[in-house]
PDB file of all heavy atoms in Angstrom:
ATOM      1  N   TRP A   1     280.868  20.555  56.415  1.00  0.00           N
ATOM      2  CA  TRP A   1     281.580  19.309  56.730  1.00  0.00           C
ATOM      3  C   TRP A   1     280.925  18.694  57.964  1.00  0.00           C
ATOM      4  O   TRP A   1     280.637  19.409  58.944  1.00  0.00           O
ATOM      5  CB  TRP A   1     283.049  19.570  57.009  1.00  0.00           C
ATOM      6  CG  TRP A   1     283.883  19.836  55.803  1.00  0.00           C
ATOM      7  CD1 TRP A   1     284.232  21.047  55.283  1.00  0.00           C
ATOM      8  CD2 TRP A   1     284.511  18.853  54.967  1.00  0.00           C
ATOM      9  NE1 TRP A   1     285.024  20.884  54.170  1.00  0.00           N
ATOM     10  CE2 TRP A   1     285.215  19.551  53.958  1.00  0.00           C
ATOM     11  CE3 TRP A   1     284.553  17.462  54.961  1.00  0.00           C
ATOM     12  CZ2 TRP A   1     285.947  18.900  52.958  1.00  0.00           C
ATOM     13  CZ3 TRP A   1     285.284  16.821  53.982  1.00  0.00           C
ATOM     14  CH2 TRP A   1     285.970  17.536  52.984  1.00  0.00           C
ATOM     15  N   PHE A   2     280.750  17.405  57.908  1.00  0.00           N
ATOM     16  CA  PHE A   2     280.205  16.622  59.009  1.00  0.00           C
ATOM     17  C   PHE A   2     281.123  15.431  59.250  1.00  0.00           C
ATOM     18  O   PHE A   2     281.919  15.061  58.391  1.00  0.00           O
ATOM     19  CB  PHE A   2     278.803  16.117  58.660  1.00  0.00           C
ATOM     20  CG  PHE A   2     277.754  17.190  58.582  1.00  0.00           C
ATOM     21  CD1 PHE A   2     277.708  18.043  57.491  1.00  0.00           C
ATOM     22  CD2 PHE A   2     276.824  17.344  59.589  1.00  0.00           C
ATOM     23  CE1 PHE A   2     276.749  19.041  57.409  1.00  0.00           C
ATOM     24  CE2 PHE A   2     275.849  18.334  59.522  1.00  0.00           C
ATOM     25  CZ  PHE A   2     275.813  19.174  58.421  1.00  0.00           C
ATOM     26  N   ARG A   3     280.954  14.812  60.377  1.00  0.00           N
ATOM     27  CA  ARG A   3     281.661  13.559  60.641  1.00  0.00           C
ATOM     28  C   ARG A   3     280.740  12.605  61.388  1.00  0.00           C
ATOM     29  O   ARG A   3     279.833  13.017  62.100  1.00  0.00           O
ATOM     30  CB  ARG A   3     282.938  13.789  61.457  1.00  0.00           C
ATOM     31  CG  ARG A   3     282.700  14.245  62.891  1.00  0.00           C
ATOM     32  CD  ARG A   3     284.000  14.590  63.573  1.00  0.00           C
ATOM     33  NE  ARG A   3     283.785  15.098  64.928  1.00  0.00           N
ATOM     34  CZ  ARG A   3     284.671  15.790  65.601  1.00  0.00           C
ATOM     35  NH1 ARG A   3     285.862  16.072  65.069  1.00  0.00           N
ATOM     36  NH2 ARG A   3     284.403  16.215  66.831  1.00  0.00           N
ATOM     37  N   ARG A   4     281.049  11.326  61.193  1.00  0.00           N
ATOM     38  CA  ARG A   4     280.328  10.291  61.922  1.00  0.00           C
ATOM     39  C   ARG A   4     281.346   9.368  62.562  1.00  0.00           C
ATOM     40  O   ARG A   4     282.086   8.671  61.864  1.00  0.00           O
ATOM     41  CB  ARG A   4     279.405   9.492  61.011  1.00  0.00           C
ATOM     42  CG  ARG A   4     278.696   8.359  61.737  1.00  0.00           C
ATOM     43  CD  ARG A   4     277.762   7.618  60.817  1.00  0.00           C
ATOM     44  NE  ARG A   4     276.532   8.353  60.607  1.00  0.00           N
ATOM     45  CZ  ARG A   4     275.689   8.116  59.598  1.00  0.00           C
ATOM     46  NH1 ARG A   4     275.966   7.216  58.700  1.00  0.00           N
ATOM     47  NH2 ARG A   4     274.590   8.807  59.483  1.00  0.00           N
ATOM     48  N   ALA A   5     281.371   9.394  63.867  1.00  0.00           N
ATOM     49  CA  ALA A   5     282.202   8.454  64.616  1.00  0.00           C
ATOM     50  C   ALA A   5     281.459   7.130  64.743  1.00  0.00           C
ATOM     51  O   ALA A   5     280.229   7.082  64.633  1.00  0.00           O
ATOM     52  CB  ALA A   5     282.531   9.020  65.990  1.00  0.00           C
ATOM     53  N   HIS A   6     282.211   6.076  64.983  1.00  0.00           N
ATOM     54  CA  HIS A   6     281.614   4.743  65.072  1.00  0.00           C
ATOM     55  C   HIS A   6     280.543   4.705  66.159  1.00  0.00           C
ATOM     56  O   HIS A   6     280.801   5.055  67.309  1.00  0.00           O
ATOM     57  CB  HIS A   6     282.690   3.696  65.364  1.00  0.00           C
ATOM     58  CG  HIS A   6     282.166   2.304  65.422  1.00  0.00           C
ATOM     59  ND1 HIS A   6     281.667   1.655  64.320  1.00  0.00           N
ATOM     60  CD2 HIS A   6     282.045   1.441  66.457  1.00  0.00           C
ATOM     61  CE1 HIS A   6     281.287   0.439  64.666  1.00  0.00           C
ATOM     62  NE2 HIS A   6     281.502   0.294  65.958  1.00  0.00           N
ATOM     63  N   GLY A   7     279.333   4.314  65.774  1.00  0.00           N
ATOM     64  CA  GLY A   7     278.260   4.183  66.738  1.00  0.00           C
ATOM     65  C   GLY A   7     277.586   5.474  67.140  1.00  0.00           C
ATOM     66  O   GLY A   7     276.751   5.486  68.044  1.00  0.00           O
ATOM     67  N   LYS A   8     277.942   6.578  66.465  1.00  0.00           N
ATOM     68  CA  LYS A   8     277.367   7.872  66.825  1.00  0.00           C
ATOM     69  C   LYS A   8     276.636   8.487  65.642  1.00  0.00           C
ATOM     70  O   LYS A   8     276.793   8.064  64.495  1.00  0.00           O
ATOM     71  CB  LYS A   8     278.464   8.816  67.311  1.00  0.00           C
ATOM     72  CG  LYS A   8     279.137   8.363  68.602  1.00  0.00           C
ATOM     73  CD  LYS A   8     280.094   9.427  69.105  1.00  0.00           C
ATOM     74  CE  LYS A   8     280.718   9.008  70.438  1.00  0.00           C
ATOM     75  NZ  LYS A   8     281.645  10.055  70.966  1.00  0.00           N
ATOM     76  N   GLU A   9     275.865   9.519  65.953  1.00  0.00           N
ATOM     77  CA  GLU A   9     275.160  10.247  64.916  1.00  0.00           C
ATOM     78  C   GLU A   9     276.129  11.142  64.131  1.00  0.00           C
ATOM     79  O   GLU A   9     277.191  11.515  64.631  1.00  0.00           O
ATOM     80  CB  GLU A   9     274.066  11.120  65.541  1.00  0.00           C
ATOM     81  CG  GLU A   9     272.961  10.352  66.249  1.00  0.00           C
ATOM     82  CD  GLU A   9     272.101   9.591  65.264  1.00  0.00           C
ATOM     83  OE1 GLU A   9     271.804  10.153  64.193  1.00  0.00           O
ATOM     84  OE2 GLU A   9     271.733   8.439  65.551  1.00  0.00           O
ATOM     85  N   ARG A  10     275.725  11.471  62.922  1.00  0.00           N
ATOM     86  CA  ARG A  10     276.514  12.403  62.130  1.00  0.00           C
ATOM     87  C   ARG A  10     276.520  13.777  62.816  1.00  0.00           C
ATOM     88  O   ARG A  10     275.487  14.247  63.270  1.00  0.00           O
ATOM     89  CB  ARG A  10     275.920  12.499  60.722  1.00  0.00           C
ATOM     90  CG  ARG A  10     276.835  13.122  59.709  1.00  0.00           C
ATOM     91  CD  ARG A  10     276.274  12.976  58.308  1.00  0.00           C
ATOM     92  NE  ARG A  10     276.206  11.590  57.882  1.00  0.00           N
ATOM     93  CZ  ARG A  10     275.946  11.211  56.621  1.00  0.00           C
ATOM     94  NH1 ARG A  10     275.742  12.136  55.698  1.00  0.00           N
ATOM     95  NH2 ARG A  10     275.886   9.950  56.308  1.00  0.00           N
ATOM     96  N   GLU A  11     277.689  14.386  62.860  1.00  0.00           N
ATOM     97  CA  GLU A  11     277.893  15.615  63.635  1.00  0.00           C
ATOM     98  C   GLU A  11     278.431  16.721  62.738  1.00  0.00           C
ATOM     99  O   GLU A  11     279.396  16.504  61.975  1.00  0.00           O
ATOM    100  CB  GLU A  11     278.903  15.322  64.753  1.00  0.00           C
ATOM    101  CG  GLU A  11     279.370  16.516  65.542  1.00  0.00           C
ATOM    102  CD  GLU A  11     280.550  16.216  66.440  1.00  0.00           C
ATOM    103  OE1 GLU A  11     281.244  15.198  66.218  1.00  0.00           O
ATOM    104  OE2 GLU A  11     280.805  17.007  67.370  1.00  0.00           O
ATOM    105  N   PHE A  12     277.870  17.903  62.861  1.00  0.00           N
ATOM    106  CA  PHE A  12     278.344  19.070  62.130  1.00  0.00           C
ATOM    107  C   PHE A  12     279.684  19.529  62.697  1.00  0.00           C
ATOM    108  O   PHE A  12     279.825  19.659  63.919  1.00  0.00           O
ATOM    109  CB  PHE A  12     277.310  20.188  62.249  1.00  0.00           C
ATOM    110  CG  PHE A  12     277.732  21.521  61.716  1.00  0.00           C
ATOM    111  CD1 PHE A  12     277.706  21.765  60.347  1.00  0.00           C
ATOM    112  CD2 PHE A  12     278.141  22.538  62.561  1.00  0.00           C
ATOM    113  CE1 PHE A  12     278.084  23.004  59.846  1.00  0.00           C
ATOM    114  CE2 PHE A  12     278.513  23.776  62.064  1.00  0.00           C
ATOM    115  CZ  PHE A  12     278.482  24.006  60.707  1.00  0.00           C
ATOM    116  N   VAL A  13     280.671  19.783  61.803  1.00  0.00           N
ATOM    117  CA  VAL A  13     281.975  20.245  62.294  1.00  0.00           C
ATOM    118  C   VAL A  13     282.389  21.596  61.708  1.00  0.00           C
ATOM    119  O   VAL A  13     283.258  22.266  62.273  1.00  0.00           O
ATOM    120  CB  VAL A  13     283.089  19.209  62.037  1.00  0.00           C
ATOM    121  CG1 VAL A  13     282.795  17.907  62.768  1.00  0.00           C
ATOM    122  CG2 VAL A  13     283.315  18.967  60.561  1.00  0.00           C
ATOM    123  N   ALA A  14     281.802  21.995  60.573  1.00  0.00           N
ATOM    124  CA  ALA A  14     282.150  23.292  59.992  1.00  0.00           C
ATOM    125  C   ALA A  14     281.193  23.616  58.855  1.00  0.00           C
ATOM    126  O   ALA A  14     280.723  22.707  58.167  1.00  0.00           O
ATOM    127  CB  ALA A  14     283.584  23.287  59.460  1.00  0.00           C
ATOM    128  N   GLY A  15     280.936  24.906  58.653  1.00  0.00           N
ATOM    129  CA  GLY A  15     280.098  25.331  57.543  1.00  0.00           C
ATOM    130  C   GLY A  15     280.590  26.642  56.975  1.00  0.00           C
ATOM    131  O   GLY A  15     281.232  27.430  57.675  1.00  0.00           O
ATOM    132  N   ILE A  16     280.284  26.860  55.698  1.00  0.00           N
ATOM    133  CA  ILE A  16     280.729  28.073  55.026  1.00  0.00           C
ATOM    134  C   ILE A  16     279.657  28.524  54.049  1.00  0.00           C
ATOM    135  O   ILE A  16     278.975  27.705  53.438  1.00  0.00           O
ATOM    136  CB  ILE A  16     282.084  27.830  54.314  1.00  0.00           C
ATOM    137  CG1 ILE A  16     282.702  29.135  53.820  1.00  0.00           C
ATOM    138  CG2 ILE A  16     281.950  26.811  53.189  1.00  0.00           C
ATOM    139  CD1 ILE A  16     284.173  28.992  53.430  1.00  0.00           C
ATOM    140  N   SER A  17     279.511  29.822  53.931  1.00  0.00           N
ATOM    141  CA  SER A  17     278.499  30.368  53.030  1.00  0.00           C
ATOM    142  C   SER A  17     278.980  30.304  51.585  1.00  0.00           C
ATOM    143  O   SER A  17     280.113  29.940  51.296  1.00  0.00           O
ATOM    144  CB  SER A  17     278.191  31.809  53.425  1.00  0.00           C
ATOM    145  OG  SER A  17     279.366  32.613  53.316  1.00  0.00           O
ATOM    146  N   GLN A  18     278.097  30.688  50.677  1.00  0.00           N
ATOM    147  CA  GLN A  18     278.388  30.593  49.240  1.00  0.00           C
ATOM    148  C   GLN A  18     279.674  31.301  48.864  1.00  0.00           C
ATOM    149  O   GLN A  18     280.491  30.777  48.105  1.00  0.00           O
ATOM    150  CB  GLN A  18     277.246  31.223  48.456  1.00  0.00           C
ATOM    151  CG  GLN A  18     275.924  30.554  48.566  1.00  0.00           C
ATOM    152  CD  GLN A  18     274.863  31.445  47.961  1.00  0.00           C
ATOM    153  OE1 GLN A  18     274.639  32.563  48.414  1.00  0.00           O
ATOM    154  NE2 GLN A  18     274.205  30.961  46.939  1.00  0.00           N
ATOM    155  N   SER A  19     279.844  32.495  49.363  1.00  0.00           N
ATOM    156  CA  SER A  19     281.002  33.303  48.972  1.00  0.00           C
ATOM    157  C   SER A  19     282.216  33.049  49.835  1.00  0.00           C
ATOM    158  O   SER A  19     283.326  33.450  49.487  1.00  0.00           O
ATOM    159  CB  SER A  19     280.641  34.786  49.066  1.00  0.00           C
ATOM    160  OG  SER A  19     280.414  35.142  50.416  1.00  0.00           O
ATOM    161  N   GLY A  20     281.983  32.387  50.972  1.00  0.00           N
ATOM    162  CA  GLY A  20     283.061  32.196  51.935  1.00  0.00           C
ATOM    163  C   GLY A  20     283.140  33.297  52.968  1.00  0.00           C
ATOM    164  O   GLY A  20     284.005  33.245  53.839  1.00  0.00           O
ATOM    165  N   MET A  21     282.232  34.269  52.908  1.00  0.00           N
ATOM    166  CA  MET A  21     282.312  35.393  53.830  1.00  0.00           C
ATOM    167  C   MET A  21     281.893  35.022  55.242  1.00  0.00           C
ATOM    168  O   MET A  21     282.256  35.705  56.202  1.00  0.00           O
ATOM    169  CB  MET A  21     281.431  36.534  53.330  1.00  0.00           C
ATOM    170  CG  MET A  21     279.948  36.198  53.276  1.00  0.00           C
ATOM    171  SD  MET A  21     278.937  37.531  52.602  1.00  0.00           S
ATOM    172  CE  MET A  21     278.892  38.662  53.971  1.00  0.00           C
ATOM    173  N   SER A  22     281.125  33.942  55.390  1.00  0.00           N
ATOM    174  CA  SER A  22     280.668  33.516  56.708  1.00  0.00           C
ATOM    175  C   SER A  22     281.029  32.063  56.939  1.00  0.00           C
ATOM    176  O   SER A  22     280.926  31.233  56.031  1.00  0.00           O
ATOM    177  CB  SER A  22     279.149  33.672  56.827  1.00  0.00           C
ATOM    178  OG  SER A  22     278.767  35.010  56.689  1.00  0.00           O
ATOM    179  N   THR A  23     281.451  31.771  58.165  1.00  0.00           N
ATOM    180  CA  THR A  23     281.751  30.404  58.559  1.00  0.00           C
ATOM    181  C   THR A  23     281.169  30.160  59.941  1.00  0.00           C
ATOM    182  O   THR A  23     280.867  31.100  60.686  1.00  0.00           O
ATOM    183  CB  THR A  23     283.263  30.130  58.599  1.00  0.00           C
ATOM    184  OG1 THR A  23     283.883  31.025  59.541  1.00  0.00           O
ATOM    185  CG2 THR A  23     283.904  30.310  57.238  1.00  0.00           C
ATOM    186  N   HIS A  24     281.030  28.884  60.294  1.00  0.00           N
ATOM    187  CA  HIS A  24     280.512  28.544  61.612  1.00  0.00           C
ATOM    188  C   HIS A  24     281.103  27.220  62.050  1.00  0.00           C
ATOM    189  O   HIS A  24     281.276  26.299  61.233  1.00  0.00           O
ATOM    190  CB  HIS A  24     278.987  28.441  61.594  1.00  0.00           C
ATOM    191  CG  HIS A  24     278.397  28.231  62.954  1.00  0.00           C
ATOM    192  ND1 HIS A  24     278.139  29.270  63.820  1.00  0.00           N
ATOM    193  CD2 HIS A  24     278.050  27.091  63.599  1.00  0.00           C
ATOM    194  CE1 HIS A  24     277.650  28.790  64.937  1.00  0.00           C
ATOM    195  NE2 HIS A  24     277.576  27.475  64.833  1.00  0.00           N
TER     196      HIS A  24
END
């Protein structure tokens, strides 16, 4: 998941592996 605020670059907010065993 990423987000882009007005006037800003796209920002990483969460990630998950294929199985769901790892998140960041």
